[in-house]
Amino acid sequence: MSAAFRKALKSNQRSHHERSQPSSRKKVGLLEKKKDYKLRAEDYRKKRNTLHALRKKALEKNPDEFYYKMTSTKLQDGVHVIKQLAEETTEEQLKLMRTQDVKYVEMKRAAEIGRA
C-alpha cells in the first residue's frame, strides 16, 4: 500500500467527537470534556505545587535570620508596612534652609551674568 493511498483512507475516516450531555442530565449542567478536565487539573496541580513549595520554605526558615530592614518595618494584617519616621523641622532650621536657598539662587545668577 502506498503512502498516498493510506492518506486518502485517513481523510475518509470520521473524526472523534466526545458525547454531549444527555437530555435527562441537563439540570446537572455542562458535561466536562477532556480539554476542560485537563485545564482544571493543570490549574489544581500548579496551585498545589505552589502551596507545597511555600510550606516547605516556611519549614526551612531560619528563625535567627536578621536583616536591618526588619527594624524599620512591622507586620500589619499579615502585610509588611514600613514605619514612617516623622521628621520635625524647627523654625531655626526652616529659616536656615530659606536663606541657603536664596544664597544659592544669587550665586547661580552671578555665575550666569559672569558667563554672558
PDB file of N, CA and C in Angstrom:
ATOM      1  N   MET A   1       0.839  -1.192   0.000  1.00  0.00           N
ATOM      2  CA  MET A   1       0.000   0.000   0.000  1.00  0.00           C
ATOM      3  C   MET A   1       0.876   1.245   0.000  1.00  0.00           C
ATOM      4  N   SER A   2       0.571   2.150  -0.863  1.00  0.00           N
ATOM      5  CA  SER A   2       1.409   3.350  -0.930  1.00  0.00           C
ATOM      6  C   SER A   2       0.966   4.371   0.110  1.00  0.00           C
ATOM      7  N   ALA A   3       1.858   5.318   0.392  1.00  0.00           N
ATOM      8  CA  ALA A   3       1.582   6.342   1.400  1.00  0.00           C
ATOM      9  C   ALA A   3       0.419   7.228   0.983  1.00  0.00           C
ATOM     10  N   ALA A   4       0.323   7.520  -0.299  1.00  0.00           N
ATOM     11  CA  ALA A   4      -0.757   8.369  -0.796  1.00  0.00           C
ATOM     12  C   ALA A   4      -2.114   7.695  -0.584  1.00  0.00           C
ATOM     13  N   PHE A   5      -2.163   6.375  -0.800  1.00  0.00           N
ATOM     14  CA  PHE A   5      -3.416   5.640  -0.614  1.00  0.00           C
ATOM     15  C   PHE A   5      -3.842   5.649   0.858  1.00  0.00           C
ATOM     16  N   ARG A   6      -2.849   5.459   1.759  1.00  0.00           N
ATOM     17  CA  ARG A   6      -3.148   5.477   3.202  1.00  0.00           C
ATOM     18  C   ARG A   6      -3.686   6.837   3.629  1.00  0.00           C
ATOM     19  N   LYS A   7      -3.081   7.915   3.106  1.00  0.00           N
ATOM     20  CA  LYS A   7      -3.554   9.266   3.415  1.00  0.00           C
ATOM     21  C   LYS A   7      -4.984   9.456   2.951  1.00  0.00           C
ATOM     22  N   ALA A   8      -5.279   8.943   1.789  1.00  0.00           N
ATOM     23  CA  ALA A   8      -6.622   9.065   1.232  1.00  0.00           C
ATOM     24  C   ALA A   8      -7.634   8.332   2.106  1.00  0.00           C
ATOM     25  N   LEU A   9      -7.245   7.153   2.636  1.00  0.00           N
ATOM     26  CA  LEU A   9      -8.129   6.402   3.525  1.00  0.00           C
ATOM     27  C   LEU A   9      -8.408   7.170   4.812  1.00  0.00           C
ATOM     28  N   LYS A  10      -7.345   7.781   5.371  1.00  0.00           N
ATOM     29  CA  LYS A  10      -7.489   8.522   6.634  1.00  0.00           C
ATOM     30  C   LYS A  10      -8.399   9.733   6.461  1.00  0.00           C
ATOM     31  N   SER A  11      -8.343  10.368   5.306  1.00  0.00           N
ATOM     32  CA  SER A  11      -9.171  11.555   5.096  1.00  0.00           C
ATOM     33  C   SER A  11     -10.649  11.191   5.050  1.00  0.00           C
ATOM     34  N   ASN A  12     -10.937   9.945   4.760  1.00  0.00           N
ATOM     35  CA  ASN A  12     -12.319   9.485   4.685  1.00  0.00           C
ATOM     36  C   ASN A  12     -12.887   9.117   6.053  1.00  0.00           C
ATOM     37  N   GLN A  13     -12.016   8.887   7.041  1.00  0.00           N
ATOM     38  CA  GLN A  13     -12.464   8.461   8.366  1.00  0.00           C
ATOM     39  C   GLN A  13     -13.197   9.599   9.081  1.00  0.00           C
ATOM     40  N   ARG A  14     -14.108   9.229   9.964  1.00  0.00           N
ATOM     41  CA  ARG A  14     -14.820  10.235  10.753  1.00  0.00           C
ATOM     42  C   ARG A  14     -13.934  10.672  11.909  1.00  0.00           C
ATOM     43  N   SER A  15     -13.974  11.974  12.232  1.00  0.00           N
ATOM     44  CA  SER A  15     -13.180  12.459  13.366  1.00  0.00           C
ATOM     45  C   SER A  15     -13.924  12.149  14.654  1.00  0.00           C
ATOM     46  N   HIS A  16     -13.152  11.989  15.722  1.00  0.00           N
ATOM     47  CA  HIS A  16     -13.727  11.620  17.016  1.00  0.00           C
ATOM     48  C   HIS A  16     -14.373  12.829  17.675  1.00  0.00           C
ATOM     49  N   HIS A  17     -15.612  12.670  18.135  1.00  0.00           N
ATOM     50  CA  HIS A  17     -16.303  13.724  18.888  1.00  0.00           C
ATOM     51  C   HIS A  17     -16.696  13.161  20.242  1.00  0.00           C
ATOM     52  N   GLU A  18     -16.495  13.939  21.289  1.00  0.00           N
ATOM     53  CA  GLU A  18     -16.941  13.498  22.606  1.00  0.00           C
ATOM     54  C   GLU A  18     -18.446  13.677  22.692  1.00  0.00           C
ATOM     55  N   ARG A  19     -19.068  12.824  23.473  1.00  0.00           N
ATOM     56  CA  ARG A  19     -20.526  12.861  23.539  1.00  0.00           C
ATOM     57  C   ARG A  19     -21.004  14.110  24.274  1.00  0.00           C
ATOM     58  N   SER A  20     -22.227  14.496  23.990  1.00  0.00           N
ATOM     59  CA  SER A  20     -22.805  15.658  24.659  1.00  0.00           C
ATOM     60  C   SER A  20     -23.540  15.204  25.914  1.00  0.00           C
ATOM     61  N   GLN A  21     -23.973  16.166  26.708  1.00  0.00           N
ATOM     62  CA  GLN A  21     -24.698  15.858  27.946  1.00  0.00           C
ATOM     63  C   GLN A  21     -26.065  15.265  27.586  1.00  0.00           C
ATOM     64  N   PRO A  22     -26.410  14.112  28.159  1.00  0.00           N
ATOM     65  CA  PRO A  22     -27.736  13.548  27.892  1.00  0.00           C
ATOM     66  C   PRO A  22     -28.834  14.501  28.365  1.00  0.00           C
ATOM     67  N   SER A  23     -29.950  14.493  27.653  1.00  0.00           N
ATOM     68  CA  SER A  23     -31.025  15.437  27.972  1.00  0.00           C
ATOM     69  C   SER A  23     -31.588  15.204  29.367  1.00  0.00           C
ATOM     70  N   SER A  24     -31.509  13.981  29.871  1.00  0.00           N
ATOM     71  CA  SER A  24     -32.022  13.698  31.215  1.00  0.00           C
ATOM     72  C   SER A  24     -31.140  14.312  32.303  1.00  0.00           C
ATOM     73  N   ARG A  25     -29.912  14.692  31.940  1.00  0.00           N
ATOM     74  CA  ARG A  25     -28.985  15.270  32.934  1.00  0.00           C
ATOM     75  C   ARG A  25     -28.696  16.743  32.674  1.00  0.00           C
ATOM     76  N   LYS A  26     -29.546  17.414  31.881  1.00  0.00           N
ATOM     77  CA  LYS A  26     -29.350  18.839  31.573  1.00  0.00           C
ATOM     78  C   LYS A  26     -29.356  19.682  32.845  1.00  0.00           C
ATOM     79  N   LYS A  27     -30.154  19.258  33.842  1.00  0.00           N
ATOM     80  CA  LYS A  27     -30.269  20.034  35.092  1.00  0.00           C
ATOM     81  C   LYS A  27     -28.948  20.064  35.872  1.00  0.00           C
ATOM     82  N   VAL A  28     -28.060  19.087  35.635  1.00  0.00           N
ATOM     83  CA  VAL A  28     -26.780  18.998  36.344  1.00  0.00           C
ATOM     84  C   VAL A  28     -25.798  20.044  35.828  1.00  0.00           C
ATOM     85  N   GLY A  29     -25.946  20.452  34.566  1.00  0.00           N
ATOM     86  CA  GLY A  29     -25.033  21.440  33.997  1.00  0.00           C
ATOM     87  C   GLY A  29     -24.267  20.848  32.834  1.00  0.00           C
ATOM     88  N   LEU A  30     -23.206  21.543  32.432  1.00  0.00           N
ATOM     89  CA  LEU A  30     -22.424  21.091  31.287  1.00  0.00           C
ATOM     90  C   LEU A  30     -21.638  19.831  31.621  1.00  0.00           C
ATOM     91  N   LEU A  31     -21.514  18.968  30.642  1.00  0.00           N
ATOM     92  CA  LEU A  31     -20.706  17.774  30.794  1.00  0.00           C
ATOM     93  C   LEU A  31     -19.247  18.169  30.560  1.00  0.00           C
ATOM     94  N   GLU A  32     -18.392  17.835  31.517  1.00  0.00           N
ATOM     95  CA  GLU A  32     -16.988  18.230  31.415  1.00  0.00           C
ATOM     96  C   GLU A  32     -16.285  17.357  30.381  1.00  0.00           C
ATOM     97  N   LYS A  33     -15.684  18.020  29.401  1.00  0.00           N
ATOM     98  CA  LYS A  33     -14.938  17.314  28.365  1.00  0.00           C
ATOM     99  C   LYS A  33     -13.485  17.145  28.822  1.00  0.00           C
ATOM    100  N   LYS A  34     -12.727  16.374  28.048  1.00  0.00           N
ATOM    101  CA  LYS A  34     -11.339  16.095  28.425  1.00  0.00           C
ATOM    102  C   LYS A  34     -10.514  17.369  28.464  1.00  0.00           C
ATOM    103  N   LYS A  35     -10.715  18.273  27.489  1.00  0.00           N
ATOM    104  CA  LYS A  35      -9.927  19.509  27.462  1.00  0.00           C
ATOM    105  C   LYS A  35     -10.236  20.379  28.685  1.00  0.00           C
ATOM    106  N   ASP A  36     -11.511  20.347  29.135  1.00  0.00           N
ATOM    107  CA  ASP A  36     -11.877  21.104  30.333  1.00  0.00           C
ATOM    108  C   ASP A  36     -11.222  20.496  31.568  1.00  0.00           C
ATOM    109  N   TYR A  37     -11.252  19.145  31.641  1.00  0.00           N
ATOM    110  CA  TYR A  37     -10.643  18.447  32.771  1.00  0.00           C
ATOM    111  C   TYR A  37      -9.152  18.731  32.835  1.00  0.00           C
ATOM    112  N   LYS A  38      -8.494  18.697  31.663  1.00  0.00           N
ATOM    113  CA  LYS A  38      -7.048  18.924  31.634  1.00  0.00           C
ATOM    114  C   LYS A  38      -6.703  20.313  32.163  1.00  0.00           C
ATOM    115  N   LEU A  39      -7.475  21.327  31.738  1.00  0.00           N
ATOM    116  CA  LEU A  39      -7.231  22.690  32.219  1.00  0.00           C
ATOM    117  C   LEU A  39      -7.409  22.771  33.730  1.00  0.00           C
ATOM    118  N   ARG A  40      -8.509  22.165  34.221  1.00  0.00           N
ATOM    119  CA  ARG A  40      -8.807  22.211  35.648  1.00  0.00           C
ATOM    120  C   ARG A  40      -7.742  21.467  36.450  1.00  0.00           C
ATOM    121  N   ALA A  41      -7.331  20.310  35.966  1.00  0.00           N
ATOM    122  CA  ALA A  41      -6.328  19.505  36.666  1.00  0.00           C
ATOM    123  C   ALA A  41      -4.973  20.204  36.673  1.00  0.00           C
ATOM    124  N   GLU A  42      -4.620  20.823  35.537  1.00  0.00           N
ATOM    125  CA  GLU A  42      -3.340  21.541  35.442  1.00  0.00           C
ATOM    126  C   GLU A  42      -3.305  22.706  36.430  1.00  0.00           C
ATOM    127  N   ASP A  43      -4.399  23.449  36.508  1.00  0.00           N
ATOM    128  CA  ASP A  43      -4.501  24.582  37.431  1.00  0.00           C
ATOM    129  C   ASP A  43      -4.402  24.102  38.881  1.00  0.00           C
ATOM    130  N   TYR A  44      -5.103  23.000  39.173  1.00  0.00           N
ATOM    131  CA  TYR A  44      -5.076  22.437  40.526  1.00  0.00           C
ATOM    132  C   TYR A  44      -3.657  22.025  40.914  1.00  0.00           C
ATOM    133  N   ARG A  45      -2.969  21.328  39.981  1.00  0.00           N
ATOM    134  CA  ARG A  45      -1.607  20.879  40.271  1.00  0.00           C
ATOM    135  C   ARG A  45      -0.659  22.047  40.491  1.00  0.00           C
ATOM    136  N   LYS A  46      -0.826  23.086  39.696  1.00  0.00           N
ATOM    137  CA  LYS A  46       0.043  24.256  39.832  1.00  0.00           C
ATOM    138  C   LYS A  46      -0.154  24.911  41.202  1.00  0.00           C
ATOM    139  N   LYS A  47      -1.411  25.057  41.625  1.00  0.00           N
ATOM    140  CA  LYS A  47      -1.706  25.650  42.936  1.00  0.00           C
ATOM    141  C   LYS A  47      -1.190  24.764  44.065  1.00  0.00           C
ATOM    142  N   ARG A  48      -1.381  23.443  43.912  1.00  0.00           N
ATOM    143  CA  ARG A  48      -0.920  22.505  44.936  1.00  0.00           C
ATOM    144  C   ARG A  48       0.598  22.573  45.083  1.00  0.00           C
ATOM    145  N   ASN A  49       1.306  22.619  43.952  1.00  0.00           N
ATOM    146  CA  ASN A  49       2.770  22.682  43.992  1.00  0.00           C
ATOM    147  C   ASN A  49       3.254  23.989  44.609  1.00  0.00           C
ATOM    148  N   THR A  50       2.553  25.091  44.300  1.00  0.00           N
ATOM    149  CA  THR A  50       2.918  26.382  44.890  1.00  0.00           C
ATOM    150  C   THR A  50       2.760  26.346  46.402  1.00  0.00           C
ATOM    151  N   LEU A  51       1.625  25.820  46.867  1.00  0.00           N
ATOM    152  CA  LEU A  51       1.391  25.707  48.313  1.00  0.00           C
ATOM    153  C   LEU A  51       2.432  24.800  48.965  1.00  0.00           C
ATOM    154  N   HIS A  52       2.758  23.715  48.289  1.00  0.00           N
ATOM    155  CA  HIS A  52       3.767  22.783  48.824  1.00  0.00           C
ATOM    156  C   HIS A  52       5.120  23.492  48.960  1.00  0.00           C
ATOM    157  N   ALA A  53       5.498  24.259  47.935  1.00  0.00           N
ATOM    158  CA  ALA A  53       6.786  24.964  47.970  1.00  0.00           C
ATOM    159  C   ALA A  53       6.799  26.009  49.084  1.00  0.00           C
ATOM    160  N   LEU A  54       5.680  26.729  49.257  1.00  0.00           N
ATOM    161  CA  LEU A  54       5.614  27.736  50.316  1.00  0.00           C
ATOM    162  C   LEU A  54       5.683  27.092  51.700  1.00  0.00           C
ATOM    163  N   ARG A  55       4.982  25.952  51.857  1.00  0.00           N
ATOM    164  CA  ARG A  55       5.018  25.244  53.138  1.00  0.00           C
ATOM    165  C   ARG A  55       6.438  24.796  53.451  1.00  0.00           C
ATOM    166  N   LYS A  56       7.123  24.266  52.429  1.00  0.00           N
ATOM    167  CA  LYS A  56       8.498  23.789  52.599  1.00  0.00           C
ATOM    168  C   LYS A  56       9.422  24.950  52.965  1.00  0.00           C
ATOM    169  N   LYS A  57       9.230  26.087  52.296  1.00  0.00           N
ATOM    170  CA  LYS A  57      10.051  27.263  52.567  1.00  0.00           C
ATOM    171  C   LYS A  57       9.840  27.743  54.003  1.00  0.00           C
ATOM    172  N   ALA A  58       8.586  27.705  54.473  1.00  0.00           N
ATOM    173  CA  ALA A  58       8.287  28.129  55.839  1.00  0.00           C
ATOM    174  C   ALA A  58       8.916  27.177  56.860  1.00  0.00           C
ATOM    175  N   LEU A  59       8.919  25.874  56.540  1.00  0.00           N
ATOM    176  CA  LEU A  59       9.515  24.905  57.454  1.00  0.00           C
ATOM    177  C   LEU A  59      11.028  25.058  57.539  1.00  0.00           C
ATOM    178  N   GLU A  60      11.650  25.409  56.422  1.00  0.00           N
ATOM    179  CA  GLU A  60      13.111  25.515  56.385  1.00  0.00           C
ATOM    180  C   GLU A  60      13.622  26.899  56.775  1.00  0.00           C
ATOM    181  N   LYS A  61      12.708  27.786  57.171  1.00  0.00           N
ATOM    182  CA  LYS A  61      13.096  29.162  57.502  1.00  0.00           C
ATOM    183  C   LYS A  61      13.939  29.187  58.773  1.00  0.00           C
ATOM    184  N   ASN A  62      14.975  29.987  58.753  1.00  0.00           N
ATOM    185  CA  ASN A  62      15.859  30.125  59.902  1.00  0.00           C
ATOM    186  C   ASN A  62      15.265  31.174  60.852  1.00  0.00           C
ATOM    187  N   PRO A  63      14.883  30.789  62.068  1.00  0.00           N
ATOM    188  CA  PRO A  63      14.276  31.762  62.994  1.00  0.00           C
ATOM    189  C   PRO A  63      15.254  32.834  63.479  1.00  0.00           C
ATOM    190  N   ASP A  64      16.559  32.564  63.376  1.00  0.00           N
ATOM    191  CA  ASP A  64      17.567  33.528  63.829  1.00  0.00           C
ATOM    192  C   ASP A  64      17.987  34.491  62.730  1.00  0.00           C
ATOM    193  N   GLU A  65      17.352  34.392  61.572  1.00  0.00           N
ATOM    194  CA  GLU A  65      17.712  35.247  60.446  1.00  0.00           C
ATOM    195  C   GLU A  65      17.358  36.703  60.762  1.00  0.00           C
ATOM    196  N   PHE A  66      18.250  37.617  60.400  1.00  0.00           N
ATOM    197  CA  PHE A  66      18.016  39.031  60.693  1.00  0.00           C
ATOM    198  C   PHE A  66      18.499  39.906  59.548  1.00  0.00           C
ATOM    199  N   TYR A  67      17.656  40.875  59.186  1.00  0.00           N
ATOM    200  CA  TYR A  67      18.016  41.891  58.207  1.00  0.00           C
ATOM    201  C   TYR A  67      17.745  43.244  58.846  1.00  0.00           C
ATOM    202  N   TYR A  68      18.565  44.239  58.535  1.00  0.00           N
ATOM    203  CA  TYR A  68      18.389  45.550  59.149  1.00  0.00           C
ATOM    204  C   TYR A  68      17.071  46.209  58.781  1.00  0.00           C
ATOM    205  N   LYS A  69      16.504  45.825  57.641  1.00  0.00           N
ATOM    206  CA  LYS A  69      15.208  46.383  57.236  1.00  0.00           C
ATOM    207  C   LYS A  69      14.104  45.978  58.224  1.00  0.00           C
ATOM    208  N   MET A  70      14.340  44.878  58.945  1.00  0.00           N
ATOM    209  CA  MET A  70      13.350  44.398  59.912  1.00  0.00           C
ATOM    210  C   MET A  70      13.121  45.397  61.046  1.00  0.00           C
ATOM    211  N   THR A  71      14.102  46.238  61.312  1.00  0.00           N
ATOM    212  CA  THR A  71      13.943  47.208  62.394  1.00  0.00           C
ATOM    213  C   THR A  71      13.017  48.346  61.997  1.00  0.00           C
ATOM    214  N   SER A  72      12.882  48.597  60.682  1.00  0.00           N
ATOM    215  CA  SER A  72      12.054  49.718  60.243  1.00  0.00           C
ATOM    216  C   SER A  72      10.727  49.271  59.636  1.00  0.00           C
ATOM    217  N   THR A  73      10.391  47.975  59.756  1.00  0.00           N
ATOM    218  CA  THR A  73       9.109  47.501  59.231  1.00  0.00           C
ATOM    219  C   THR A  73       8.354  46.758  60.316  1.00  0.00           C
ATOM    220  N   LYS A  74       7.040  46.647  60.111  1.00  0.00           N
ATOM    221  CA  LYS A  74       6.225  45.858  61.034  1.00  0.00           C
ATOM    222  C   LYS A  74       5.141  45.155  60.238  1.00  0.00           C
ATOM    223  N   LEU A  75       4.597  44.075  60.790  1.00  0.00           N
ATOM    224  CA  LEU A  75       3.514  43.345  60.142  1.00  0.00           C
ATOM    225  C   LEU A  75       2.189  43.951  60.572  1.00  0.00           C
ATOM    226  N   GLN A  76       1.345  44.249  59.596  1.00  0.00           N
ATOM    227  CA  GLN A  76       0.026  44.790  59.895  1.00  0.00           C
ATOM    228  C   GLN A  76      -0.979  44.018  59.048  1.00  0.00           C
ATOM    229  N   ASP A  77      -1.795  43.190  59.675  1.00  0.00           N
ATOM    230  CA  ASP A  77      -2.741  42.318  58.987  1.00  0.00           C
ATOM    231  C   ASP A  77      -2.026  41.394  58.003  1.00  0.00           C
ATOM    232  N   GLY A  78      -0.842  40.916  58.382  1.00  0.00           N
ATOM    233  CA  GLY A  78      -0.096  39.991  57.548  1.00  0.00           C
ATOM    234  C   GLY A  78       0.648  40.631  56.398  1.00  0.00           C
ATOM    235  N   VAL A  79       0.697  41.971  56.360  1.00  0.00           N
ATOM    236  CA  VAL A  79       1.383  42.688  55.284  1.00  0.00           C
ATOM    237  C   VAL A  79       2.500  43.522  55.899  1.00  0.00           C
ATOM    238  N   HIS A  80       3.683  43.525  55.259  1.00  0.00           N
ATOM    239  CA  HIS A  80       4.800  44.318  55.763  1.00  0.00           C
ATOM    240  C   HIS A  80       4.568  45.795  55.472  1.00  0.00           C
ATOM    241  N   VAL A  81       4.643  46.613  56.511  1.00  0.00           N
ATOM    242  CA  VAL A  81       4.452  48.051  56.367  1.00  0.00           C
ATOM    243  C   VAL A  81       5.702  48.738  56.900  1.00  0.00           C
ATOM    244  N   ILE A  82       6.228  49.688  56.122  1.00  0.00           N
ATOM    245  CA  ILE A  82       7.422  50.416  56.546  1.00  0.00           C
ATOM    246  C   ILE A  82       7.014  51.530  57.496  1.00  0.00           C
ATOM    247  N   LYS A  83       7.678  51.570  58.648  1.00  0.00           N
ATOM    248  CA  LYS A  83       7.390  52.624  59.618  1.00  0.00           C
ATOM    249  C   LYS A  83       7.905  53.951  59.087  1.00  0.00           C
ATOM    250  N   GLN A  84       7.063  54.962  59.114  1.00  0.00           N
ATOM    251  CA  GLN A  84       7.460  56.289  58.644  1.00  0.00           C
ATOM    252  C   GLN A  84       8.013  57.089  59.832  1.00  0.00           C
ATOM    253  N   LEU A  85       9.219  57.565  59.671  1.00  0.00           N
ATOM    254  CA  LEU A  85       9.819  58.397  60.701  1.00  0.00           C
ATOM    255  C   LEU A  85       9.395  59.842  60.465  1.00  0.00           C
ATOM    256  N   ALA A  86       8.739  60.414  61.458  1.00  0.00           N
ATOM    257  CA  ALA A  86       8.261  61.791  61.317  1.00  0.00           C
ATOM    258  C   ALA A  86       9.434  62.749  61.521  1.00  0.00           C
ATOM    259  N   GLU A  87       9.757  63.500  60.467  1.00  0.00           N
ATOM    260  CA  GLU A  87      10.849  64.464  60.556  1.00  0.00           C
ATOM    261  C   GLU A  87      10.267  65.815  60.965  1.00  0.00           C
ATOM    262  N   GLU A  88      10.669  66.273  62.125  1.00  0.00           N
ATOM    263  CA  GLU A  88      10.176  67.559  62.603  1.00  0.00           C
ATOM    264  C   GLU A  88      11.276  68.603  62.407  1.00  0.00           C
ATOM    265  N   THR A  89      10.950  69.662  61.682  1.00  0.00           N
ATOM    266  CA  THR A  89      11.916  70.742  61.470  1.00  0.00           C
ATOM    267  C   THR A  89      11.517  71.924  62.343  1.00  0.00           C
ATOM    268  N   THR A  90      12.507  72.500  63.000  1.00  0.00           N
ATOM    269  CA  THR A  90      12.243  73.646  63.866  1.00  0.00           C
ATOM    270  C   THR A  90      12.237  74.922  63.037  1.00  0.00           C
ATOM    271  N   GLU A  91      11.806  76.005  63.660  1.00  0.00           N
ATOM    272  CA  GLU A  91      11.768  77.313  62.974  1.00  0.00           C
ATOM    273  C   GLU A  91      13.164  77.740  62.528  1.00  0.00           C
ATOM    274  N   GLU A  92      14.151  77.482  63.389  1.00  0.00           N
ATOM    275  CA  GLU A  92      15.531  77.864  63.060  1.00  0.00           C
ATOM    276  C   GLU A  92      16.008  77.120  61.805  1.00  0.00           C
ATOM    277  N   GLN A  93      15.692  75.820  61.720  1.00  0.00           N
ATOM    278  CA  GLN A  93      16.096  75.033  60.554  1.00  0.00           C
ATOM    279  C   GLN A  93      15.420  75.560  59.295  1.00  0.00           C
ATOM    280  N   LEU A  94      14.147  75.924  59.404  1.00  0.00           N
ATOM    281  CA  LEU A  94      13.417  76.456  58.253  1.00  0.00           C
ATOM    282  C   LEU A  94      14.038  77.763  57.768  1.00  0.00           C
ATOM    283  N   LYS A  95      14.363  78.658  58.718  1.00  0.00           N
ATOM    284  CA  LYS A  95      14.982  79.936  58.344  1.00  0.00           C
ATOM    285  C   LYS A  95      16.319  79.707  57.649  1.00  0.00           C
ATOM    286  N   LEU A  96      17.122  78.791  58.192  1.00  0.00           N
ATOM    287  CA  LEU A  96      18.416  78.468  57.609  1.00  0.00           C
ATOM    288  C   LEU A  96      18.255  77.937  56.188  1.00  0.00           C
ATOM    289  N   MET A  97      17.277  77.048  55.981  1.00  0.00           N
ATOM    290  CA  MET A  97      17.034  76.487  54.647  1.00  0.00           C
ATOM    291  C   MET A  97      16.645  77.587  53.659  1.00  0.00           C
ATOM    292  N   ARG A  98      15.783  78.504  54.096  1.00  0.00           N
ATOM    293  CA  ARG A  98      15.338  79.581  53.199  1.00  0.00           C
ATOM    294  C   ARG A  98      16.514  80.478  52.805  1.00  0.00           C
ATOM    295  N   THR A  99      17.361  80.839  53.776  1.00  0.00           N
ATOM    296  CA  THR A  99      18.496  81.710  53.461  1.00  0.00           C
ATOM    297  C   THR A  99      19.484  80.993  52.544  1.00  0.00           C
ATOM    298  N   GLN A 100      19.681  79.698  52.763  1.00  0.00           N
ATOM    299  CA  GLN A 100      20.579  78.933  51.903  1.00  0.00           C
ATOM    300  C   GLN A 100      20.041  78.883  50.478  1.00  0.00           C
ATOM    301  N   ASP A 101      18.722  78.724  50.343  1.00  0.00           N
ATOM    302  CA  ASP A 101      18.101  78.716  49.016  1.00  0.00           C
ATOM    303  C   ASP A 101      18.329  80.041  48.302  1.00  0.00           C
ATOM    304  N   VAL A 102      18.113  81.140  49.028  1.00  0.00           N
ATOM    305  CA  VAL A 102      18.272  82.469  48.430  1.00  0.00           C
ATOM    306  C   VAL A 102      19.726  82.681  48.011  1.00  0.00           C
ATOM    307  N   LYS A 103      20.677  82.287  48.880  1.00  0.00           N
ATOM    308  CA  LYS A 103      22.099  82.446  48.571  1.00  0.00           C
ATOM    309  C   LYS A 103      22.487  81.621  47.335  1.00  0.00           C
ATOM    310  N   TYR A 104      21.947  80.421  47.227  1.00  0.00           N
ATOM    311  CA  TYR A 104      22.240  79.548  46.088  1.00  0.00           C
ATOM    312  C   TYR A 104      21.749  80.183  44.790  1.00  0.00           C
ATOM    313  N   VAL A 105      20.526  80.714  44.823  1.00  0.00           N
ATOM    314  CA  VAL A 105      19.968  81.348  43.620  1.00  0.00           C
ATOM    315  C   VAL A 105      20.808  82.559  43.223  1.00  0.00           C
ATOM    316  N   GLU A 106      21.201  83.367  44.206  1.00  0.00           N
ATOM    317  CA  GLU A 106      22.027  84.554  43.919  1.00  0.00           C
ATOM    318  C   GLU A 106      23.375  84.147  43.319  1.00  0.00           C
ATOM    319  N   MET A 107      23.975  83.086  43.849  1.00  0.00           N
ATOM    320  CA  MET A 107      25.262  82.613  43.351  1.00  0.00           C
ATOM    321  C   MET A 107      25.134  82.144  41.894  1.00  0.00           C
ATOM    322  N   LYS A 108      24.098  81.395  41.597  1.00  0.00           N
ATOM    323  CA  LYS A 108      23.876  80.907  40.225  1.00  0.00           C
ATOM    324  C   LYS A 108      23.648  82.080  39.275  1.00  0.00           C
ATOM    325  N   ARG A 109      22.861  83.079  39.734  1.00  0.00           N
ATOM    326  CA  ARG A 109      22.588  84.250  38.897  1.00  0.00           C
ATOM    327  C   ARG A 109      23.872  84.985  38.568  1.00  0.00           C
ATOM    328  N   ALA A 110      24.749  85.132  39.591  1.00  0.00           N
ATOM    329  CA  ALA A 110      26.026  85.813  39.388  1.00  0.00           C
ATOM    330  C   ALA A 110      26.905  85.020  38.398  1.00  0.00           C
ATOM    331  N   ALA A 111      26.876  83.705  38.494  1.00  0.00           N
ATOM    332  CA  ALA A 111      27.661  82.882  37.580  1.00  0.00           C
ATOM    333  C   ALA A 111      27.148  83.023  36.152  1.00  0.00           C
ATOM    334  N   GLU A 112      25.851  83.101  35.990  1.00  0.00           N
ATOM    335  CA  GLU A 112      25.262  83.278  34.645  1.00  0.00           C
ATOM    336  C   GLU A 112      25.638  84.640  34.065  1.00  0.00           C
ATOM    337  N   ILE A 113      25.590  85.674  34.893  1.00  0.00           N
ATOM    338  CA  ILE A 113      25.948  87.025  34.440  1.00  0.00           C
ATOM    339  C   ILE A 113      27.431  87.055  34.063  1.00  0.00           C
ATOM    340  N   GLY A 114      28.275  86.403  34.849  1.00  0.00           N
ATOM    341  CA  GLY A 114      29.700  86.362  34.572  1.00  0.00           C
ATOM    342  C   GLY A 114      30.006  85.639  33.264  1.00  0.00           C
ATOM    343  N   ARG A 115      29.215  84.652  32.902  1.00  0.00           N
ATOM    344  CA  ARG A 115      29.414  83.892  31.678  1.00  0.00           C
ATOM    345  C   ARG A 115      29.034  84.723  30.449  1.00  0.00           C
ATOM    346  N   ALA A 116      27.998  85.519  30.606  1.00  0.00           N
ATOM    347  CA  ALA A 116      27.468  86.263  29.435  1.00  0.00           C
ATOM    348  C   ALA A 116      28.276  87.467  29.084  1.00  0.00           C
TER     349      ALA A 116
END
